[in-house]
Amino acid sequence: MKAVAFDRYGSAEELQYRELEKPIAKSNELLVRIRASSINPVDWKIRQGHLQLLTGFNFPRIVGSDISGVVVEVGPEVTKFQPGDEVYTFLNPVNGGACAEYAAVPESSAGFKPKNITHAEAAAVPIAGLTALQALRDLGEIQAGNKVLINGASGGVGTFAVQIAKAMNAEVTGVCSAKNLDFVKGLGADLVLDYAEIDFTKQSEKYDIILDAVGTKTFAECEKVLQSEGVYISTLPSFDNLAPMLTSWLLPGKKAKFILANANPADLGFLRELIESEKVEPIVDRTYSLAEVAAAHAYSETGRAAGKIAIVIEEVISH
């Protein structure tokens, strides 16, 4: 099968479009013909070698996590899916494997693809959408009427977080760059702040939930603008937030938490319902082919994407 992989850590130039062995589905797995993937910052951080302690030195490594595609085979223990089903999910980012024509997917982490969107749009959902959902609902315990601030509201996680928070009837403030103010307003945000002009941590407004989707603010900076029982959630683990996360877990009052998304059928189904009812729309900034993954990584690294970057994997004859 065709895939994009690298043989050593480094720049996007290490990525090669090449022929690799097609995976074999285990008894509890689906073999999925991947129609689309998408880029997440973790993909190029892994490629650069920032997570070597987790990812190790087994090469070649196929990049990518998000997938949307069609089931072509099922293992004998699989009960909920059959060949021909359209599915979406994400693979463990540590192992990768999404920027390829096929992937073996555990049944326990797959969901049925939303019917009203393309594979490219569906592939934009899993990591970013589940991160936003699980951060707001599970860690933030979001309630109708809550004041929620999304830092990085125009990015992959941010665009989902704004829409999910509005679908849950929260009052949403989005923080982004000047060029994306109207874009984030269009997603449903009640108020949008230009981070270059306004530092939300120095304002008088207090929030029930602050989701830092870009990891540019610490709990210490955000604490003063949290309500007395407010929750700060970061998508990036950092040394600065480690102590507050430990102490706030033990003590009452304001909380600092870190979100690590979990792929499961129930939450993929929840997102599917939001998308099919048109309460949430995946935002795709640009689309690249499988052979252009290196260029997609380079664009993602600029930090300028509004929404997600999709990888469309062309229909080819099976190898």
Protein backbone atom coordinates (compact mmCIF):
# COMPACT_ATOMS: atom_id res chain seq x y z
CA MET A 1 0.00 0.00 0.00
CA LYS A 2 1.00 3.65 -0.42
CA ALA A 3 1.88 5.48 2.79
CA VAL A 4 3.83 8.46 4.11
CA ALA A 5 6.52 7.53 6.60
CA PHE A 6 9.88 8.61 7.99
CA ASP A 7 13.06 6.69 8.88
CA ARG A 8 14.51 9.21 11.32
CA TYR A 9 13.31 12.19 13.33
CA GLY A 10 13.64 15.61 11.75
CA SER A 11 12.03 18.16 9.45
CA ALA A 12 9.12 17.61 7.06
CA GLU A 13 11.71 16.71 4.42
CA GLU A 14 12.14 13.34 6.20
CA LEU A 15 8.63 12.33 5.11
CA GLN A 16 8.58 9.93 2.16
CA TYR A 17 5.65 8.82 0.02
CA ARG A 18 6.40 5.14 -0.44
CA GLU A 19 5.20 1.55 -0.68
CA LEU A 20 4.80 -0.25 2.66
CA GLU A 21 3.20 -3.47 3.81
CA LYS A 22 -0.58 -3.45 4.23
CA PRO A 23 -1.63 -4.12 7.87
CA ILE A 24 -3.51 -7.27 8.87
CA ALA A 25 -6.55 -6.89 11.13
CA LYS A 26 -6.50 -8.86 14.41
CA SER A 27 -9.56 -10.79 15.61
CA ASN A 28 -11.06 -7.70 17.31
CA GLU A 29 -10.09 -5.21 14.60
CA LEU A 30 -11.45 -3.73 11.37
CA LEU A 31 -9.31 -3.33 8.27
CA VAL A 32 -10.22 0.12 7.00
CA ARG A 33 -9.57 1.50 3.53
CA ILE A 34 -8.67 5.06 4.51
CA ARG A 35 -10.28 7.76 2.39
CA ALA A 36 -9.00 10.74 4.37
CA SER A 37 -6.84 11.78 7.29
CA SER A 38 -5.99 15.14 8.87
CA ILE A 39 -3.01 16.86 10.47
CA ASN A 40 -2.75 17.50 14.21
CA PRO A 41 0.18 19.32 15.87
CA VAL A 42 1.09 16.09 17.69
CA ASP A 43 1.86 14.51 14.28
CA TRP A 44 4.72 16.86 13.47
CA LYS A 45 5.90 17.06 17.08
CA ILE A 46 6.35 13.28 16.94
CA ARG A 47 8.11 13.57 13.57
CA GLN A 48 10.45 16.22 14.98
CA GLY A 49 11.38 13.84 17.81
CA HIS A 50 9.84 15.70 20.77
CA LEU A 51 8.18 12.52 22.06
CA GLN A 52 11.04 10.06 21.53
CA LEU A 53 10.65 8.66 25.05
CA LEU A 54 7.20 7.44 24.02
CA THR A 55 7.67 6.77 20.31
CA GLY A 56 11.08 5.08 20.45
CA PHE A 57 13.22 4.24 17.45
CA ASN A 58 11.20 1.70 15.47
CA PHE A 59 11.26 2.83 11.84
CA PRO A 60 9.75 3.35 9.37
CA ARG A 61 6.94 5.20 11.13
CA ILE A 62 3.74 6.06 9.24
CA VAL A 63 2.54 9.51 10.31
CA GLY A 64 -0.95 10.59 11.33
CA SER A 65 -3.79 9.58 13.63
CA ASP A 66 -7.18 10.75 12.33
CA ILE A 67 -8.96 8.52 9.82
CA SER A 68 -12.22 8.31 7.91
CA GLY A 69 -12.79 5.40 5.57
CA VAL A 70 -14.60 2.22 4.63
CA VAL A 71 -14.41 -1.16 6.37
CA VAL A 72 -13.06 -3.81 3.96
CA GLU A 73 -12.56 -6.72 6.39
CA VAL A 74 -13.55 -7.56 9.97
CA GLY A 75 -11.93 -9.91 12.47
CA PRO A 76 -13.95 -12.87 13.79
CA GLU A 77 -14.62 -11.18 17.16
CA VAL A 78 -16.05 -7.99 15.59
CA THR A 79 -19.83 -7.65 16.12
CA LYS A 80 -20.86 -4.05 15.39
CA PHE A 81 -19.30 -3.44 11.97
CA GLN A 82 -19.24 -5.15 8.60
CA PRO A 83 -17.53 -4.59 5.24
CA GLY A 84 -18.93 -1.51 3.51
CA ASP A 85 -19.54 0.48 6.72
CA GLU A 86 -18.14 4.01 6.73
CA VAL A 87 -16.24 4.69 9.95
CA TYR A 88 -14.12 7.36 11.59
CA THR A 89 -11.79 7.49 14.60
CA PHE A 90 -8.19 8.19 15.50
CA LEU A 91 -5.30 5.78 15.87
CA ASN A 92 -2.95 6.01 18.84
CA PRO A 93 -0.71 8.99 17.92
CA VAL A 94 2.33 7.24 19.46
CA ASN A 95 2.01 4.50 16.84
CA GLY A 96 0.60 6.61 13.97
CA GLY A 97 -0.50 4.90 10.77
CA ALA A 98 -3.20 7.19 9.35
CA CYS A 99 -1.42 8.65 6.30
CA ALA A 100 -1.75 5.41 4.36
CA GLU A 101 -4.23 3.53 2.22
CA TYR A 102 -5.17 1.05 4.98
CA ALA A 103 -5.21 0.81 8.76
CA ALA A 104 -6.20 -1.85 11.29
CA VAL A 105 -8.58 -0.31 13.83
CA PRO A 106 -9.79 -1.82 17.14
CA GLU A 107 -13.59 -2.17 17.12
CA SER A 108 -13.60 -0.60 20.61
CA SER A 109 -12.37 2.75 19.26
CA ALA A 110 -14.35 3.08 15.99
CA GLY A 111 -17.53 5.04 15.29
CA PHE A 112 -19.88 5.30 12.32
CA LYS A 113 -19.01 8.29 10.12
CA PRO A 114 -21.55 11.15 10.04
CA LYS A 115 -23.67 10.72 6.90
CA ASN A 116 -23.94 14.38 5.92
CA ILE A 117 -20.24 15.19 5.50
CA THR A 118 -17.37 14.06 3.26
CA HIS A 119 -14.55 11.76 4.36
CA ALA A 120 -12.20 14.77 4.39
CA GLU A 121 -14.53 16.61 6.79
CA ALA A 122 -15.04 13.48 8.91
CA ALA A 123 -11.27 12.96 9.20
CA ALA A 124 -11.02 16.49 10.62
CA VAL A 125 -13.17 15.49 13.60
CA PRO A 126 -11.73 12.71 15.79
CA ILE A 127 -8.77 14.08 17.79
CA ALA A 128 -9.83 17.74 17.75
CA GLY A 129 -13.55 17.08 18.23
CA LEU A 130 -13.08 14.51 21.00
CA THR A 131 -10.54 16.75 22.75
CA ALA A 132 -13.01 19.65 22.76
CA LEU A 133 -15.97 17.48 23.81
CA GLN A 134 -14.21 15.57 26.58
CA ALA A 135 -12.50 18.73 27.90
CA LEU A 136 -15.73 20.74 28.16
CA ARG A 137 -18.18 18.00 29.15
CA ASP A 138 -16.06 15.62 31.25
CA LEU A 139 -13.35 17.82 32.77
CA GLY A 140 -15.20 21.16 32.74
CA GLU A 141 -18.64 19.68 33.55
CA ILE A 142 -20.15 22.37 31.33
CA GLN A 143 -23.67 23.56 32.13
CA ALA A 144 -26.12 25.76 30.23
CA GLY A 145 -25.38 29.41 31.00
CA ASN A 146 -21.72 28.81 31.91
CA LYS A 147 -19.24 31.43 30.79
CA VAL A 148 -16.63 29.61 28.70
CA LEU A 149 -13.45 31.07 27.18
CA ILE A 150 -11.65 29.26 24.36
CA ASN A 151 -8.04 30.37 23.86
CA GLY A 152 -7.03 29.46 20.30
CA ALA A 153 -10.62 29.53 19.07
CA SER A 154 -9.73 29.45 15.35
CA GLY A 155 -7.60 26.28 15.50
CA GLY A 156 -8.55 22.62 15.18
CA VAL A 157 -9.66 22.04 18.79
CA GLY A 158 -10.87 25.62 19.17
CA THR A 159 -13.34 25.56 16.27
CA PHE A 160 -14.98 22.45 17.72
CA ALA A 161 -14.92 23.82 21.28
CA VAL A 162 -16.73 27.03 20.30
CA GLN A 163 -19.46 25.10 18.49
CA ILE A 164 -19.84 22.37 21.15
CA ALA A 165 -20.02 24.94 23.97
CA LYS A 166 -22.74 26.84 22.07
CA ALA A 167 -24.61 23.57 21.39
CA MET A 168 -24.59 23.09 25.20
CA ASN A 169 -26.03 26.62 25.63
CA ALA A 170 -22.95 28.21 27.18
CA GLU A 171 -21.89 31.84 26.76
CA VAL A 172 -18.70 31.66 24.69
CA THR A 173 -15.75 34.03 24.40
CA GLY A 174 -13.23 33.14 21.70
CA VAL A 175 -9.61 34.33 21.64
CA CYS A 176 -7.77 34.38 18.30
CA SER A 177 -5.77 36.60 15.91
CA ALA A 178 -7.26 39.71 14.30
CA LYS A 179 -7.67 38.03 10.89
CA ASN A 180 -9.90 35.31 12.38
CA LEU A 181 -12.24 37.48 14.48
CA ASP A 182 -15.13 37.29 11.99
CA PHE A 183 -14.48 33.59 11.35
CA VAL A 184 -14.79 32.73 15.07
CA LYS A 185 -17.85 34.97 15.42
CA GLY A 186 -19.35 32.97 12.55
CA LEU A 187 -18.83 29.75 14.53
CA GLY A 188 -21.22 31.14 17.14
CA ALA A 189 -18.96 32.84 19.70
CA ASP A 190 -20.77 35.56 21.65
CA LEU A 191 -17.62 37.65 22.02
CA VAL A 192 -14.28 37.42 20.19
CA LEU A 193 -11.01 38.91 21.47
CA ASP A 194 -7.87 39.68 19.46
CA TYR A 195 -5.08 38.25 21.61
CA ALA A 196 -2.61 40.87 20.31
CA GLU A 197 -4.86 43.69 21.55
CA ILE A 198 -6.50 42.24 24.67
CA ASP A 199 -5.02 39.97 27.34
CA PHE A 200 -8.07 38.16 28.73
CA THR A 201 -6.16 37.32 31.94
CA LYS A 202 -6.03 41.05 32.77
CA GLN A 203 -9.76 41.71 32.22
CA SER A 204 -12.45 41.82 34.92
CA GLU A 205 -14.67 39.12 33.34
CA LYS A 206 -14.62 35.78 35.14
CA TYR A 207 -15.19 32.37 33.53
CA ASP A 208 -16.51 28.99 34.63
CA ILE A 209 -14.28 27.20 32.12
CA ILE A 210 -11.11 28.31 30.34
CA LEU A 211 -9.99 25.87 27.63
CA ASP A 212 -6.48 26.72 26.48
CA ALA A 213 -6.42 24.93 23.13
CA VAL A 214 -2.99 26.34 22.20
CA GLY A 215 -1.13 26.13 25.49
CA THR A 216 -0.09 29.80 25.61
CA LYS A 217 -1.47 30.62 29.08
CA THR A 218 -0.67 28.96 32.39
CA PHE A 219 -3.07 28.21 35.23
CA ALA A 220 -1.28 30.86 37.30
CA GLU A 221 -2.12 33.49 34.67
CA CYS A 222 -5.72 32.33 34.27
CA GLU A 223 -6.52 31.72 37.95
CA LYS A 224 -7.56 35.32 38.65
CA VAL A 225 -10.21 35.28 35.89
CA LEU A 226 -11.73 31.94 36.94
CA GLN A 227 -14.90 31.76 39.05
CA SER A 228 -14.40 30.37 42.58
CA GLU A 229 -15.15 26.82 41.33
CA GLY A 230 -13.86 27.46 37.81
CA VAL A 231 -11.82 25.01 35.74
CA TYR A 232 -8.74 25.69 33.59
CA ILE A 233 -8.07 22.98 30.99
CA SER A 234 -4.96 22.78 28.81
CA THR A 235 -4.33 20.65 25.75
CA LEU A 236 -0.57 20.77 26.38
CA PRO A 237 1.10 19.29 29.46
CA SER A 238 3.65 21.75 30.81
CA PHE A 239 6.00 22.01 33.76
CA ASP A 240 4.37 25.31 34.82
CA ASN A 241 0.97 23.62 35.18
CA LEU A 242 2.13 20.39 36.82
CA ALA A 243 2.09 21.61 40.45
CA PRO A 244 -1.30 23.39 40.17
CA MET A 245 -2.82 20.29 38.55
CA LEU A 246 -1.66 18.15 41.47
CA THR A 247 -2.64 20.58 44.23
CA SER A 248 -6.01 21.55 42.71
CA TRP A 249 -6.87 17.87 42.36
CA LEU A 250 -6.48 17.51 46.13
CA LEU A 251 -7.96 20.83 47.27
CA PRO A 252 -11.38 22.47 46.79
CA GLY A 253 -11.83 25.56 44.63
CA LYS A 254 -10.37 26.39 41.23
CA LYS A 255 -9.06 23.45 39.22
CA ALA A 256 -6.25 22.97 36.68
CA LYS A 257 -6.64 19.99 34.34
CA PHE A 258 -5.04 18.47 31.26
CA ILE A 259 -7.06 16.83 28.47
CA LEU A 260 -5.89 13.76 26.59
CA ALA A 261 -8.60 12.59 24.17
CA ASN A 262 -9.92 9.05 24.24
CA ALA A 263 -11.36 7.43 21.08
CA ASN A 264 -14.55 5.55 21.92
CA PRO A 265 -17.76 4.70 20.03
CA ALA A 266 -20.07 6.57 22.45
CA ASP A 267 -18.34 9.94 22.08
CA LEU A 268 -17.79 9.51 18.32
CA GLY A 269 -21.54 8.81 18.18
CA PHE A 270 -22.25 11.94 20.24
CA LEU A 271 -20.21 14.04 17.81
CA ARG A 272 -21.91 12.33 14.85
CA GLU A 273 -25.32 13.41 16.22
CA LEU A 274 -24.13 17.00 16.69
CA ILE A 275 -22.83 17.05 13.10
CA GLU A 276 -25.86 15.36 11.55
CA SER A 277 -28.16 17.79 13.39
CA GLU A 278 -25.98 20.63 12.02
CA LYS A 279 -25.09 21.99 15.45
CA VAL A 280 -21.39 21.36 14.72
CA GLU A 281 -19.60 21.68 11.39
CA PRO A 282 -16.03 20.45 10.83
CA ILE A 283 -13.94 23.29 9.39
CA VAL A 284 -11.34 22.30 6.78
CA ASP A 285 -8.83 25.06 5.98
CA ARG A 286 -6.91 23.24 3.22
CA THR A 287 -6.84 19.82 1.60
CA TYR A 288 -3.73 17.96 0.43
CA SER A 289 -3.19 14.61 -1.30
CA LEU A 290 -1.36 11.73 0.38
CA ALA A 291 1.75 12.53 -1.67
CA GLU A 292 1.66 16.12 -0.29
CA VAL A 293 1.74 15.30 3.44
CA ALA A 294 5.13 16.99 3.86
CA ALA A 295 3.65 20.26 2.57
CA ALA A 296 0.64 19.80 4.87
CA HIS A 297 2.98 19.36 7.86
CA ALA A 298 4.90 22.49 6.87
CA TYR A 299 1.66 24.49 6.69
CA SER A 300 0.45 23.15 10.05
CA GLU A 301 3.74 24.18 11.64
CA THR A 302 3.08 27.84 10.67
CA GLY A 303 0.15 27.87 13.14
CA ARG A 304 -1.94 29.81 10.64
CA ALA A 305 -4.55 27.16 9.77
CA ALA A 306 -8.16 28.11 10.57
CA GLY A 307 -9.74 24.79 11.48
CA LYS A 308 -8.16 21.55 10.24
CA ILE A 309 -5.87 20.45 7.40
CA ALA A 310 -7.23 17.40 5.58
CA ILE A 311 -5.38 14.70 3.66
CA VAL A 312 -7.43 13.05 0.92
CA ILE A 313 -6.25 9.57 -0.02
CA GLU A 314 -7.10 8.88 -3.65
CA GLU A 315 -9.08 5.84 -4.76
CA VAL A 316 -6.61 3.28 -6.10
CA ILE A 317 -6.65 -0.40 -6.92
CA SER A 318 -5.97 -2.42 -3.78
CA HIS A 319 -2.49 -3.89 -3.52
